N, C-alpha and C. Protein backbone atom coordinates (compact mmCIF):
# COMPACT_ATOMS: atom_id res chain seq x y z
N UNK A 1 18.18 2.94 -13.58
CA UNK A 1 16.80 2.85 -13.10
C UNK A 1 16.30 1.42 -13.19
N UNK A 2 15.61 0.98 -12.15
CA UNK A 2 15.08 -0.38 -12.13
C UNK A 2 13.98 -0.55 -13.17
N UNK A 3 14.06 -1.64 -13.94
CA UNK A 3 13.03 -1.97 -14.94
C UNK A 3 12.45 -3.33 -14.61
N UNK A 4 11.17 -3.35 -14.28
CA UNK A 4 10.51 -4.60 -13.94
C UNK A 4 10.44 -5.55 -15.12
N UNK A 5 10.60 -6.85 -14.85
CA UNK A 5 10.58 -7.88 -15.89
C UNK A 5 9.17 -8.37 -16.18
N UNK A 6 8.28 -8.22 -15.23
CA UNK A 6 6.89 -8.63 -15.39
C UNK A 6 6.00 -7.39 -15.28
N UNK A 7 4.78 -7.45 -15.86
CA UNK A 7 3.87 -6.29 -15.78
C UNK A 7 3.53 -5.92 -14.34
N UNK A 8 3.48 -4.63 -14.09
CA UNK A 8 3.16 -4.14 -12.75
C UNK A 8 2.12 -3.02 -12.83
N UNK A 9 1.12 -3.12 -11.95
CA UNK A 9 0.20 -2.01 -11.73
C UNK A 9 0.59 -1.42 -10.38
N UNK A 10 1.11 -0.21 -10.39
CA UNK A 10 1.56 0.46 -9.17
C UNK A 10 0.45 1.37 -8.65
N UNK A 11 0.13 1.24 -7.37
CA UNK A 11 -0.92 2.05 -6.77
C UNK A 11 -0.38 2.76 -5.54
N UNK A 12 -0.35 4.08 -5.59
CA UNK A 12 0.06 4.89 -4.45
C UNK A 12 -1.14 5.69 -3.96
N UNK A 13 -1.04 6.20 -2.75
CA UNK A 13 -2.14 7.02 -2.27
C UNK A 13 -2.09 7.27 -0.78
N UNK A 14 -3.02 8.06 -0.34
CA UNK A 14 -3.11 8.44 1.07
C UNK A 14 -3.74 7.33 1.90
N UNK A 15 -3.57 7.44 3.20
CA UNK A 15 -4.13 6.47 4.13
C UNK A 15 -5.66 6.47 4.09
N UNK A 16 -6.26 5.28 4.04
CA UNK A 16 -7.73 5.10 4.03
C UNK A 16 -8.40 5.70 2.80
N UNK A 17 -7.63 5.81 1.71
CA UNK A 17 -8.20 6.34 0.47
C UNK A 17 -8.88 5.26 -0.36
N UNK A 18 -8.60 3.99 -0.03
CA UNK A 18 -9.19 2.88 -0.78
C UNK A 18 -8.22 2.20 -1.71
N UNK A 19 -6.94 2.55 -1.63
CA UNK A 19 -5.97 1.95 -2.55
C UNK A 19 -5.78 0.46 -2.31
N UNK A 20 -5.84 0.04 -1.04
CA UNK A 20 -5.69 -1.38 -0.73
C UNK A 20 -6.86 -2.18 -1.25
N UNK A 21 -8.06 -1.66 -1.07
CA UNK A 21 -9.27 -2.33 -1.58
C UNK A 21 -9.21 -2.44 -3.10
N UNK A 22 -8.78 -1.37 -3.75
CA UNK A 22 -8.65 -1.37 -5.21
C UNK A 22 -7.62 -2.39 -5.65
N UNK A 23 -6.47 -2.42 -4.99
CA UNK A 23 -5.40 -3.34 -5.36
C UNK A 23 -5.86 -4.79 -5.28
N UNK A 24 -6.55 -5.14 -4.20
CA UNK A 24 -7.04 -6.51 -4.03
C UNK A 24 -8.04 -6.87 -5.12
N UNK A 25 -8.91 -5.93 -5.44
CA UNK A 25 -9.95 -6.18 -6.45
C UNK A 25 -9.36 -6.36 -7.84
N UNK A 26 -8.37 -5.53 -8.18
CA UNK A 26 -7.72 -5.68 -9.48
C UNK A 26 -7.01 -7.03 -9.55
N UNK A 27 -6.37 -7.42 -8.46
CA UNK A 27 -5.65 -8.69 -8.43
C UNK A 27 -6.60 -9.86 -8.68
N UNK A 28 -7.77 -9.82 -8.07
CA UNK A 28 -8.76 -10.88 -8.27
C UNK A 28 -9.24 -10.92 -9.72
N UNK A 29 -9.49 -9.73 -10.27
CA UNK A 29 -10.02 -9.64 -11.63
C UNK A 29 -9.01 -10.04 -12.70
N UNK A 30 -7.74 -9.80 -12.44
CA UNK A 30 -6.71 -10.01 -13.46
C UNK A 30 -5.86 -11.26 -13.23
N UNK A 31 -5.97 -11.85 -12.06
CA UNK A 31 -5.13 -12.98 -11.67
C UNK A 31 -3.67 -12.57 -11.47
N UNK A 32 -3.44 -11.27 -11.31
CA UNK A 32 -2.12 -10.78 -10.93
C UNK A 32 -1.98 -10.96 -9.42
N UNK A 33 -0.74 -10.99 -8.94
CA UNK A 33 -0.49 -11.13 -7.51
C UNK A 33 -0.44 -9.77 -6.83
N UNK A 34 -1.01 -9.71 -5.63
CA UNK A 34 -1.07 -8.45 -4.89
C UNK A 34 -0.04 -8.40 -3.79
N UNK A 35 0.65 -7.27 -3.70
CA UNK A 35 1.57 -7.02 -2.59
C UNK A 35 1.19 -5.73 -1.91
N UNK A 36 0.78 -5.84 -0.65
CA UNK A 36 0.49 -4.68 0.18
C UNK A 36 1.78 -4.31 0.89
N UNK A 37 2.48 -3.31 0.38
CA UNK A 37 3.79 -2.98 0.94
C UNK A 37 3.68 -2.41 2.35
N UNK A 38 2.51 -1.87 2.69
CA UNK A 38 2.33 -1.37 4.04
C UNK A 38 2.49 -2.46 5.08
N UNK A 39 2.10 -3.69 4.71
CA UNK A 39 2.23 -4.81 5.64
C UNK A 39 3.69 -5.13 5.94
N UNK A 40 4.57 -4.81 5.01
CA UNK A 40 6.00 -5.06 5.23
C UNK A 40 6.54 -4.14 6.33
N UNK A 41 6.13 -2.88 6.26
CA UNK A 41 6.56 -1.92 7.29
C UNK A 41 5.91 -2.25 8.63
N UNK A 42 4.66 -2.68 8.59
CA UNK A 42 3.99 -3.07 9.84
C UNK A 42 4.66 -4.29 10.46
N UNK A 43 5.12 -5.19 9.62
CA UNK A 43 5.78 -6.39 10.14
C UNK A 43 7.07 -6.02 10.87
N UNK A 44 7.85 -5.13 10.27
CA UNK A 44 9.08 -4.69 10.93
C UNK A 44 8.75 -3.96 12.23
N UNK A 45 7.68 -3.17 12.22
CA UNK A 45 7.25 -2.48 13.43
C UNK A 45 6.83 -3.49 14.49
N UNK A 46 6.15 -4.54 14.05
CA UNK A 46 5.72 -5.62 14.95
C UNK A 46 6.94 -6.29 15.60
N UNK A 47 7.95 -6.57 14.80
CA UNK A 47 9.16 -7.20 15.34
C UNK A 47 9.82 -6.29 16.37
N UNK A 48 9.85 -5.01 16.07
CA UNK A 48 10.47 -4.05 16.97
C UNK A 48 9.75 -4.01 18.31
N UNK A 49 8.43 -4.06 18.26
CA UNK A 49 7.62 -4.02 19.49
C UNK A 49 7.77 -5.31 20.28
N UNK A 50 7.63 -6.44 19.59
CA UNK A 50 7.68 -7.75 20.26
C UNK A 50 9.05 -8.03 20.87
N UNK A 51 10.08 -7.72 20.11
CA UNK A 51 11.44 -8.00 20.57
C UNK A 51 12.03 -6.89 21.44
N UNK A 52 11.28 -5.77 21.50
CA UNK A 52 11.72 -4.62 22.29
C UNK A 52 13.11 -4.15 21.87
N UNK A 53 13.28 -4.06 20.55
CA UNK A 53 14.54 -3.60 19.97
C UNK A 53 14.26 -2.45 19.01
N UNK A 54 15.23 -1.57 18.83
CA UNK A 54 15.02 -0.51 17.85
C UNK A 54 15.12 -1.10 16.45
N UNK A 55 14.61 -0.37 15.49
CA UNK A 55 14.51 -0.91 14.13
C UNK A 55 15.88 -1.19 13.50
N UNK A 56 16.87 -0.43 13.90
CA UNK A 56 18.23 -0.66 13.38
C UNK A 56 18.74 -2.03 13.80
N UNK A 57 18.46 -2.40 15.04
CA UNK A 57 18.86 -3.73 15.53
C UNK A 57 18.13 -4.84 14.77
N UNK A 58 16.84 -4.62 14.54
CA UNK A 58 16.03 -5.61 13.83
C UNK A 58 16.59 -5.85 12.43
N UNK A 59 16.86 -4.78 11.71
CA UNK A 59 17.34 -4.90 10.33
C UNK A 59 18.75 -5.46 10.26
N UNK A 60 19.56 -5.18 11.27
CA UNK A 60 20.93 -5.70 11.28
C UNK A 60 20.96 -7.23 11.28
N UNK A 61 19.86 -7.83 11.73
CA UNK A 61 19.77 -9.29 11.77
C UNK A 61 19.16 -9.87 10.50
N UNK A 62 18.90 -8.99 9.53
CA UNK A 62 18.38 -9.39 8.22
C UNK A 62 17.17 -10.32 8.34
N UNK A 63 16.08 -9.85 8.95
CA UNK A 63 14.90 -10.69 9.14
C UNK A 63 14.29 -11.15 7.82
N UNK A 64 13.90 -12.41 7.77
CA UNK A 64 13.27 -12.95 6.56
C UNK A 64 11.77 -12.65 6.60
N UNK A 65 11.23 -12.28 5.47
CA UNK A 65 9.82 -11.93 5.39
C UNK A 65 9.07 -12.99 4.59
N UNK A 66 8.13 -13.65 5.25
CA UNK A 66 7.30 -14.66 4.60
C UNK A 66 5.88 -14.10 4.53
N UNK A 67 5.39 -13.85 3.33
CA UNK A 67 4.09 -13.21 3.17
C UNK A 67 2.95 -14.02 3.79
N UNK A 68 3.05 -15.33 3.75
CA UNK A 68 2.00 -16.16 4.34
C UNK A 68 1.96 -16.00 5.85
N UNK A 69 3.13 -15.76 6.45
CA UNK A 69 3.19 -15.55 7.90
C UNK A 69 2.57 -14.22 8.29
N UNK A 70 2.73 -13.22 7.43
CA UNK A 70 2.19 -11.89 7.72
C UNK A 70 0.67 -11.93 7.85
N UNK A 71 0.04 -12.80 7.09
CA UNK A 71 -1.42 -12.90 7.10
C UNK A 71 -1.94 -13.42 8.44
N UNK A 72 -1.09 -14.09 9.18
CA UNK A 72 -1.50 -14.69 10.45
C UNK A 72 -1.37 -13.71 11.61
N UNK A 73 -0.75 -12.58 11.38
CA UNK A 73 -0.52 -11.61 12.45
C UNK A 73 -1.52 -10.46 12.39
N UNK A 74 -1.82 -9.91 13.54
CA UNK A 74 -2.68 -8.72 13.60
C UNK A 74 -1.78 -7.49 13.51
N UNK A 75 -1.61 -7.02 12.28
CA UNK A 75 -0.71 -5.88 12.05
C UNK A 75 -1.45 -4.56 11.93
N UNK A 76 -2.75 -4.57 12.21
CA UNK A 76 -3.56 -3.36 12.08
C UNK A 76 -3.78 -2.64 13.41
N UNK A 77 -3.15 -3.12 14.46
CA UNK A 77 -3.28 -2.46 15.75
C UNK A 77 -2.76 -1.04 15.64
N UNK A 78 -3.38 -0.13 16.40
CA UNK A 78 -3.01 1.28 16.31
C UNK A 78 -1.54 1.51 16.63
N UNK A 79 -1.02 0.78 17.63
CA UNK A 79 0.38 0.93 18.00
C UNK A 79 1.29 0.55 16.86
N UNK A 80 0.97 -0.57 16.21
CA UNK A 80 1.79 -1.04 15.08
C UNK A 80 1.70 -0.07 13.90
N UNK A 81 0.49 0.39 13.61
CA UNK A 81 0.30 1.32 12.49
C UNK A 81 1.09 2.61 12.69
N UNK A 82 1.02 3.14 13.90
CA UNK A 82 1.72 4.39 14.18
C UNK A 82 3.23 4.19 14.11
N UNK A 83 3.72 3.09 14.69
CA UNK A 83 5.15 2.84 14.69
C UNK A 83 5.66 2.58 13.27
N UNK A 84 4.87 1.89 12.46
CA UNK A 84 5.29 1.61 11.08
C UNK A 84 5.42 2.90 10.28
N UNK A 85 4.51 3.85 10.54
CA UNK A 85 4.57 5.15 9.86
C UNK A 85 5.84 5.90 10.25
N UNK A 86 6.25 5.75 11.50
CA UNK A 86 7.45 6.44 11.98
C UNK A 86 8.73 5.81 11.42
N UNK A 87 8.81 4.47 11.46
CA UNK A 87 10.02 3.81 10.96
C UNK A 87 10.13 3.91 9.45
N UNK A 88 9.00 4.12 8.78
CA UNK A 88 9.01 4.24 7.32
C UNK A 88 9.76 5.47 6.85
N UNK A 89 10.00 6.41 7.77
CA UNK A 89 10.75 7.61 7.42
C UNK A 89 12.26 7.35 7.36
N UNK A 90 12.67 6.23 7.89
CA UNK A 90 14.10 5.93 8.00
C UNK A 90 14.65 5.31 6.71
N UNK A 91 15.78 5.82 6.28
CA UNK A 91 16.41 5.35 5.05
C UNK A 91 16.78 3.88 5.14
N UNK A 92 17.27 3.44 6.29
CA UNK A 92 17.69 2.06 6.46
C UNK A 92 16.52 1.09 6.28
N UNK A 93 15.34 1.51 6.70
CA UNK A 93 14.15 0.67 6.56
C UNK A 93 13.70 0.60 5.11
N UNK A 94 13.63 1.73 4.46
CA UNK A 94 13.16 1.76 3.07
C UNK A 94 14.14 1.02 2.15
N UNK A 95 15.43 1.20 2.40
CA UNK A 95 16.41 0.50 1.58
C UNK A 95 16.33 -1.01 1.77
N UNK A 96 16.07 -1.44 3.00
CA UNK A 96 15.97 -2.87 3.30
C UNK A 96 14.82 -3.52 2.53
N UNK A 97 13.72 -2.78 2.38
CA UNK A 97 12.52 -3.36 1.75
C UNK A 97 12.47 -3.20 0.24
N UNK A 98 13.32 -2.36 -0.33
CA UNK A 98 13.32 -2.16 -1.78
C UNK A 98 13.56 -3.47 -2.52
N UNK A 99 14.57 -4.22 -2.11
CA UNK A 99 14.91 -5.46 -2.78
C UNK A 99 13.76 -6.44 -2.75
N UNK A 100 13.10 -6.57 -1.60
CA UNK A 100 11.98 -7.52 -1.47
C UNK A 100 10.86 -7.15 -2.44
N UNK A 101 10.52 -5.87 -2.49
CA UNK A 101 9.43 -5.42 -3.36
C UNK A 101 9.75 -5.63 -4.83
N UNK A 102 10.97 -5.37 -5.22
CA UNK A 102 11.35 -5.54 -6.62
C UNK A 102 11.47 -7.02 -7.00
N UNK A 103 11.88 -7.84 -6.06
CA UNK A 103 11.92 -9.29 -6.30
C UNK A 103 10.51 -9.81 -6.55
N UNK A 104 9.56 -9.30 -5.76
CA UNK A 104 8.16 -9.70 -5.94
C UNK A 104 7.67 -9.28 -7.32
N UNK A 105 8.02 -8.07 -7.73
CA UNK A 105 7.59 -7.58 -9.04
C UNK A 105 8.15 -8.43 -10.18
N UNK A 106 9.38 -8.85 -10.04
CA UNK A 106 10.01 -9.65 -11.09
C UNK A 106 9.63 -11.12 -11.04
N UNK A 107 9.20 -11.57 -9.86
CA UNK A 107 8.86 -12.99 -9.70
C UNK A 107 7.53 -13.17 -8.97
N UNK A 108 6.44 -12.66 -9.54
CA UNK A 108 5.13 -12.83 -8.89
C UNK A 108 4.80 -14.32 -8.82
N UNK A 109 4.23 -14.79 -7.71
CA UNK A 109 3.97 -16.21 -7.52
C UNK A 109 3.26 -16.92 -8.67
N UNK A 110 2.25 -16.27 -9.25
CA UNK A 110 1.50 -16.91 -10.34
C UNK A 110 2.18 -16.74 -11.69
N UNK A 111 3.14 -15.82 -11.74
CA UNK A 111 3.92 -15.65 -12.96
C UNK A 111 3.37 -14.67 -13.98
N UNK A 112 2.22 -14.06 -13.72
CA UNK A 112 1.62 -13.17 -14.72
C UNK A 112 2.05 -11.72 -14.54
N UNK A 113 1.86 -11.19 -13.37
CA UNK A 113 2.18 -9.80 -13.09
C UNK A 113 1.78 -9.49 -11.67
N UNK A 114 1.94 -8.23 -11.26
CA UNK A 114 1.66 -7.89 -9.87
C UNK A 114 0.93 -6.56 -9.74
N UNK A 115 0.17 -6.47 -8.66
CA UNK A 115 -0.48 -5.23 -8.26
C UNK A 115 0.19 -4.84 -6.94
N UNK A 116 0.92 -3.75 -6.94
CA UNK A 116 1.69 -3.37 -5.76
C UNK A 116 1.20 -2.00 -5.27
N UNK A 117 0.75 -1.96 -4.01
CA UNK A 117 0.27 -0.68 -3.49
C UNK A 117 1.10 -0.21 -2.31
N UNK A 118 1.22 1.11 -2.20
CA UNK A 118 2.02 1.70 -1.13
C UNK A 118 2.03 3.20 -1.25
N UNK A 119 3.20 3.79 -1.00
CA UNK A 119 3.31 5.24 -1.05
C UNK A 119 4.47 5.74 -1.90
N UNK A 120 5.33 4.84 -2.34
CA UNK A 120 6.43 5.26 -3.21
C UNK A 120 6.66 4.25 -4.34
N UNK A 121 5.62 3.52 -4.69
CA UNK A 121 5.76 2.48 -5.71
C UNK A 121 6.05 3.07 -7.08
N UNK A 122 5.28 4.08 -7.46
CA UNK A 122 5.47 4.70 -8.78
C UNK A 122 6.72 5.56 -8.85
N UNK A 123 7.04 6.23 -7.75
CA UNK A 123 8.15 7.18 -7.76
C UNK A 123 9.51 6.54 -7.54
N UNK A 124 9.56 5.44 -6.77
CA UNK A 124 10.85 4.86 -6.48
C UNK A 124 10.96 3.35 -6.73
N UNK A 125 10.03 2.59 -6.20
CA UNK A 125 10.17 1.13 -6.23
C UNK A 125 10.08 0.57 -7.65
N UNK A 126 8.98 0.88 -8.34
CA UNK A 126 8.78 0.39 -9.72
C UNK A 126 8.51 1.58 -10.63
N UNK A 127 9.51 2.40 -10.91
CA UNK A 127 9.30 3.63 -11.70
C UNK A 127 8.86 3.38 -13.14
N UNK A 128 9.08 2.15 -13.63
CA UNK A 128 8.71 1.84 -15.01
C UNK A 128 7.44 0.99 -15.09
N UNK A 129 6.66 0.98 -14.02
CA UNK A 129 5.41 0.21 -14.00
C UNK A 129 4.54 0.59 -15.20
N UNK A 130 3.92 -0.42 -15.80
CA UNK A 130 3.11 -0.17 -16.99
C UNK A 130 1.88 0.69 -16.70
N UNK A 131 1.31 0.54 -15.52
CA UNK A 131 0.16 1.35 -15.12
C UNK A 131 0.40 1.90 -13.73
N UNK A 132 0.10 3.18 -13.55
CA UNK A 132 0.27 3.82 -12.24
C UNK A 132 -1.01 4.56 -11.86
N UNK A 133 -1.46 4.31 -10.64
CA UNK A 133 -2.62 5.02 -10.11
C UNK A 133 -2.23 5.75 -8.84
N UNK A 134 -2.82 6.92 -8.65
CA UNK A 134 -2.68 7.64 -7.38
C UNK A 134 -4.09 7.79 -6.83
N UNK A 135 -4.35 7.14 -5.69
CA UNK A 135 -5.69 7.11 -5.12
C UNK A 135 -5.77 8.05 -3.92
N UNK A 136 -6.82 8.85 -3.88
CA UNK A 136 -6.97 9.83 -2.81
C UNK A 136 -8.46 10.02 -2.51
N UNK A 137 -8.74 10.68 -1.41
CA UNK A 137 -10.11 11.04 -1.03
C UNK A 137 -10.01 12.19 -0.03
N UNK A 138 -11.09 12.92 0.14
CA UNK A 138 -11.02 14.03 1.09
C UNK A 138 -10.88 13.50 2.52
N UNK A 139 -10.38 14.34 3.39
CA UNK A 139 -10.04 13.92 4.75
C UNK A 139 -11.26 13.45 5.54
N UNK A 140 -12.43 14.05 5.30
CA UNK A 140 -13.64 13.64 6.01
C UNK A 140 -14.03 12.21 5.64
N UNK A 141 -13.98 11.92 4.35
CA UNK A 141 -14.31 10.58 3.87
C UNK A 141 -13.33 9.55 4.42
N UNK A 142 -12.07 9.90 4.39
CA UNK A 142 -11.06 8.96 4.88
C UNK A 142 -11.19 8.72 6.38
N UNK A 143 -11.57 9.76 7.10
CA UNK A 143 -11.78 9.61 8.54
C UNK A 143 -12.92 8.65 8.83
N UNK A 144 -14.02 8.81 8.11
CA UNK A 144 -15.17 7.92 8.31
C UNK A 144 -14.84 6.48 7.95
N UNK A 145 -14.04 6.30 6.91
CA UNK A 145 -13.65 4.95 6.52
C UNK A 145 -12.78 4.31 7.59
N UNK A 146 -11.89 5.09 8.13
CA UNK A 146 -11.00 4.59 9.18
C UNK A 146 -11.80 4.24 10.43
N UNK A 147 -12.78 5.05 10.76
CA UNK A 147 -13.64 4.79 11.91
C UNK A 147 -14.40 3.47 11.72
N UNK A 148 -14.93 3.27 10.53
CA UNK A 148 -15.66 2.02 10.25
C UNK A 148 -14.74 0.81 10.35
N UNK A 149 -13.50 0.99 9.92
CA UNK A 149 -12.53 -0.10 10.01
C UNK A 149 -12.22 -0.44 11.46
N UNK A 150 -12.06 0.59 12.29
CA UNK A 150 -11.76 0.39 13.70
C UNK A 150 -12.93 -0.28 14.42
N UNK A 151 -14.14 0.10 14.06
CA UNK A 151 -15.33 -0.46 14.69
C UNK A 151 -15.43 -1.97 14.48
N UNK A 152 -14.88 -2.44 13.38
CA UNK A 152 -14.94 -3.87 13.10
C UNK A 152 -14.09 -4.67 14.06
N UNK A 153 -13.08 -4.03 14.63
CA UNK A 153 -12.13 -4.73 15.48
C UNK A 153 -12.18 -4.32 16.95
N UNK A 154 -12.98 -3.28 17.25
CA UNK A 154 -13.02 -2.79 18.63
C UNK A 154 -14.46 -2.62 19.12
N UNK A 155 -14.63 -2.67 20.41
CA UNK A 155 -15.95 -2.45 21.00
C UNK A 155 -16.15 -0.97 21.34
N UNK A 156 -15.05 -0.26 21.56
CA UNK A 156 -15.14 1.16 21.88
C UNK A 156 -15.42 1.98 20.62
N UNK A 157 -16.07 3.11 20.81
CA UNK A 157 -16.41 3.97 19.69
C UNK A 157 -15.31 5.00 19.45
N UNK A 158 -14.70 4.97 18.28
CA UNK A 158 -13.62 5.93 18.00
C UNK A 158 -14.18 7.35 17.87
N UNK A 159 -13.35 8.32 18.24
CA UNK A 159 -13.74 9.73 18.18
C UNK A 159 -13.32 10.32 16.83
N UNK A 160 -14.28 10.94 16.14
CA UNK A 160 -14.03 11.48 14.80
C UNK A 160 -12.82 12.40 14.77
N UNK A 161 -12.79 13.39 15.66
CA UNK A 161 -11.72 14.39 15.65
C UNK A 161 -10.36 13.76 15.90
N UNK A 162 -10.33 12.75 16.75
CA UNK A 162 -9.07 12.07 17.05
C UNK A 162 -8.54 11.35 15.82
N UNK A 163 -9.40 10.63 15.12
CA UNK A 163 -8.99 9.92 13.91
C UNK A 163 -8.63 10.91 12.81
N UNK A 164 -9.40 11.97 12.72
CA UNK A 164 -9.15 13.04 11.74
C UNK A 164 -7.73 13.59 11.93
N UNK A 165 -7.38 13.89 13.17
CA UNK A 165 -6.05 14.44 13.46
C UNK A 165 -4.94 13.43 13.19
N UNK A 166 -5.22 12.16 13.47
CA UNK A 166 -4.23 11.12 13.21
C UNK A 166 -3.92 10.99 11.72
N UNK A 167 -4.97 11.10 10.91
CA UNK A 167 -4.78 11.03 9.46
C UNK A 167 -4.00 12.23 8.93
N UNK A 168 -4.31 13.41 9.47
CA UNK A 168 -3.57 14.60 9.06
C UNK A 168 -2.09 14.47 9.42
N UNK A 169 -1.84 13.92 10.61
CA UNK A 169 -0.45 13.70 11.05
C UNK A 169 0.24 12.70 10.14
N UNK A 170 -0.48 11.63 9.77
CA UNK A 170 0.08 10.62 8.89
C UNK A 170 0.38 11.21 7.51
N UNK A 171 -0.54 12.00 6.99
CA UNK A 171 -0.33 12.65 5.69
C UNK A 171 0.93 13.52 5.72
N UNK A 172 1.07 14.26 6.80
CA UNK A 172 2.22 15.16 6.93
C UNK A 172 3.52 14.37 6.93
N UNK A 173 3.56 13.27 7.69
CA UNK A 173 4.78 12.45 7.73
C UNK A 173 5.08 11.85 6.36
N UNK A 174 4.04 11.35 5.70
CA UNK A 174 4.23 10.69 4.41
C UNK A 174 4.72 11.67 3.34
N UNK A 175 4.16 12.87 3.33
CA UNK A 175 4.47 13.82 2.27
C UNK A 175 5.72 14.65 2.52
N UNK A 176 6.12 14.77 3.79
CA UNK A 176 7.25 15.64 4.10
C UNK A 176 8.52 14.88 4.48
N UNK A 177 8.44 13.55 4.55
CA UNK A 177 9.64 12.80 4.92
C UNK A 177 10.71 12.95 3.83
N UNK A 178 11.94 12.87 4.23
CA UNK A 178 13.06 13.02 3.30
C UNK A 178 13.17 11.80 2.39
N UNK A 179 13.01 10.61 2.97
CA UNK A 179 13.16 9.37 2.21
C UNK A 179 11.84 8.98 1.53
N UNK A 180 11.85 8.98 0.21
CA UNK A 180 10.72 8.54 -0.61
C UNK A 180 9.38 9.09 -0.15
N UNK A 181 9.20 10.39 -0.18
CA UNK A 181 7.92 10.98 0.24
C UNK A 181 6.78 10.57 -0.70
N UNK A 182 5.58 10.65 -0.18
CA UNK A 182 4.40 10.35 -0.99
C UNK A 182 4.20 11.47 -2.00
N UNK A 183 4.28 11.15 -3.28
CA UNK A 183 4.07 12.13 -4.34
C UNK A 183 3.26 11.49 -5.46
N UNK A 184 2.56 12.31 -6.18
CA UNK A 184 1.85 11.84 -7.36
C UNK A 184 2.74 12.10 -8.57
N UNK A 185 3.21 11.05 -9.21
CA UNK A 185 4.07 11.21 -10.37
C UNK A 185 3.25 11.72 -11.56
N UNK A 186 3.93 12.33 -12.51
CA UNK A 186 3.24 12.93 -13.65
C UNK A 186 2.51 11.90 -14.50
N UNK A 187 3.00 10.66 -14.50
CA UNK A 187 2.37 9.63 -15.32
C UNK A 187 1.37 8.78 -14.55
N UNK A 188 1.03 9.19 -13.33
CA UNK A 188 0.04 8.45 -12.55
C UNK A 188 -1.37 8.95 -12.84
N UNK A 189 -2.31 8.03 -12.91
CA UNK A 189 -3.71 8.36 -13.12
C UNK A 189 -4.34 8.64 -11.76
N UNK A 190 -4.88 9.83 -11.59
CA UNK A 190 -5.46 10.24 -10.31
C UNK A 190 -6.90 9.76 -10.19
N UNK A 191 -7.20 9.11 -9.08
CA UNK A 191 -8.57 8.66 -8.82
C UNK A 191 -9.01 9.19 -7.46
N UNK A 192 -10.02 10.04 -7.47
CA UNK A 192 -10.59 10.57 -6.23
C UNK A 192 -11.76 9.67 -5.86
N UNK A 193 -11.63 8.94 -4.76
CA UNK A 193 -12.65 7.96 -4.37
C UNK A 193 -13.66 8.53 -3.38
N UNK A 194 -13.61 9.83 -3.12
CA UNK A 194 -14.48 10.44 -2.10
C UNK A 194 -15.95 10.09 -2.30
N UNK A 195 -16.42 10.18 -3.53
CA UNK A 195 -17.84 9.96 -3.81
C UNK A 195 -18.08 8.74 -4.69
N UNK A 196 -17.10 7.84 -4.71
CA UNK A 196 -17.22 6.64 -5.54
C UNK A 196 -17.26 5.38 -4.70
N UNK A 197 -18.12 4.46 -5.09
CA UNK A 197 -18.15 3.16 -4.44
C UNK A 197 -17.02 2.31 -5.01
N UNK A 198 -16.58 1.30 -4.25
CA UNK A 198 -15.45 0.46 -4.71
C UNK A 198 -15.63 -0.12 -6.11
N UNK A 199 -16.85 -0.52 -6.46
CA UNK A 199 -17.09 -1.10 -7.79
C UNK A 199 -16.83 -0.08 -8.89
N UNK A 200 -17.18 1.17 -8.63
CA UNK A 200 -16.97 2.22 -9.62
C UNK A 200 -15.48 2.51 -9.80
N UNK A 201 -14.75 2.49 -8.69
CA UNK A 201 -13.30 2.71 -8.75
C UNK A 201 -12.64 1.56 -9.51
N UNK A 202 -13.09 0.35 -9.23
CA UNK A 202 -12.54 -0.82 -9.92
C UNK A 202 -12.79 -0.74 -11.42
N UNK A 203 -13.97 -0.29 -11.79
CA UNK A 203 -14.31 -0.19 -13.21
C UNK A 203 -13.36 0.77 -13.93
N UNK A 204 -13.04 1.88 -13.29
CA UNK A 204 -12.10 2.84 -13.87
C UNK A 204 -10.73 2.19 -14.07
N UNK A 205 -10.29 1.49 -13.05
CA UNK A 205 -8.97 0.86 -13.09
C UNK A 205 -8.90 -0.25 -14.14
N UNK A 206 -9.94 -1.07 -14.21
CA UNK A 206 -9.92 -2.19 -15.16
C UNK A 206 -10.03 -1.70 -16.60
N UNK A 207 -10.70 -0.57 -16.79
CA UNK A 207 -10.78 0.02 -18.13
C UNK A 207 -9.38 0.38 -18.61
N UNK A 208 -8.59 0.98 -17.72
CA UNK A 208 -7.20 1.33 -18.05
C UNK A 208 -6.39 0.06 -18.27
N UNK A 209 -6.58 -0.93 -17.42
CA UNK A 209 -5.84 -2.19 -17.53
C UNK A 209 -6.08 -2.82 -18.90
N UNK A 210 -7.33 -2.87 -19.31
CA UNK A 210 -7.64 -3.49 -20.60
C UNK A 210 -7.08 -2.71 -21.78
N UNK A 211 -6.95 -1.39 -21.62
CA UNK A 211 -6.38 -0.59 -22.71
C UNK A 211 -4.88 -0.81 -22.85
N UNK A 212 -4.22 -1.13 -21.73
CA UNK A 212 -2.77 -1.38 -21.76
C UNK A 212 -2.46 -2.84 -22.06
N UNK A 213 -3.29 -3.73 -21.52
CA UNK A 213 -3.09 -5.17 -21.73
C UNK A 213 -4.33 -5.78 -22.38
N UNK A 214 -4.58 -5.48 -23.65
CA UNK A 214 -5.81 -5.94 -24.31
C UNK A 214 -5.93 -7.46 -24.44
N UNK A 215 -4.81 -8.16 -24.38
CA UNK A 215 -4.84 -9.61 -24.56
C UNK A 215 -4.88 -10.40 -23.25
N UNK A 216 -4.87 -9.68 -22.13
CA UNK A 216 -4.93 -10.35 -20.84
C UNK A 216 -6.38 -10.45 -20.38
N UNK A 217 -6.80 -11.65 -20.00
CA UNK A 217 -8.20 -11.85 -19.60
C UNK A 217 -8.57 -11.15 -18.28
N UNK A 218 -9.83 -10.75 -18.20
CA UNK A 218 -10.38 -10.16 -17.00
C UNK A 218 -11.44 -11.14 -16.47
N UNK A 219 -11.32 -11.52 -15.22
CA UNK A 219 -12.28 -12.48 -14.65
C UNK A 219 -13.67 -11.87 -14.55
N UNK A 220 -13.73 -10.64 -14.08
CA UNK A 220 -15.00 -9.98 -13.98
C UNK A 220 -14.79 -8.47 -13.98
N UNK A 221 -15.74 -7.77 -14.46
CA UNK A 221 -15.66 -6.31 -14.46
C UNK A 221 -17.03 -5.78 -14.09
N UNK A 222 -17.15 -5.26 -12.86
CA UNK A 222 -18.44 -4.80 -12.38
C UNK A 222 -18.74 -3.41 -12.89
């Protein structure tokens, strides 16, 4: 079993549950480095679309992943998101990204530790993470959050039922896929964000962080 050399806070959860927002906030507060593993799958999906090649061809060329380059790309397009969810079911894709994620955990840029969010971080990627969270929210709340996110980038008004169905489909793929399905591990702390504001969720997480790492400074705790 893989054992991380540096402290890791692993965050898993459903789509639009707020896990990414939480991960970024914890990283700012603790000075740990954040890795959004979803962006890795979106990047491979982006390459597949741009190069018009299937994902097996893309991976056979051993593409290098530069996190700073990922920030410059628009990886939140609906086409990319949907394709990334589909390729994430493939064993060849998940195996290709395991090494990158574990290297990040062992060698975080700042050297302190990492906050890694995704869907199989606690169960497969970093099973010995010092802190594990499973973030979720009811489907109505997640749909509204997704709609608000889309509105920021589009002029057209998204349809509630359409987004609702897309999230249900995504949940089904994530939870029923053969390779590294989305599961809540027994040692993960469950956080339901349905009726909580981001600051309240962060407070819960930082309280746990301080109990596990009492000697590590916190920049701020709202």
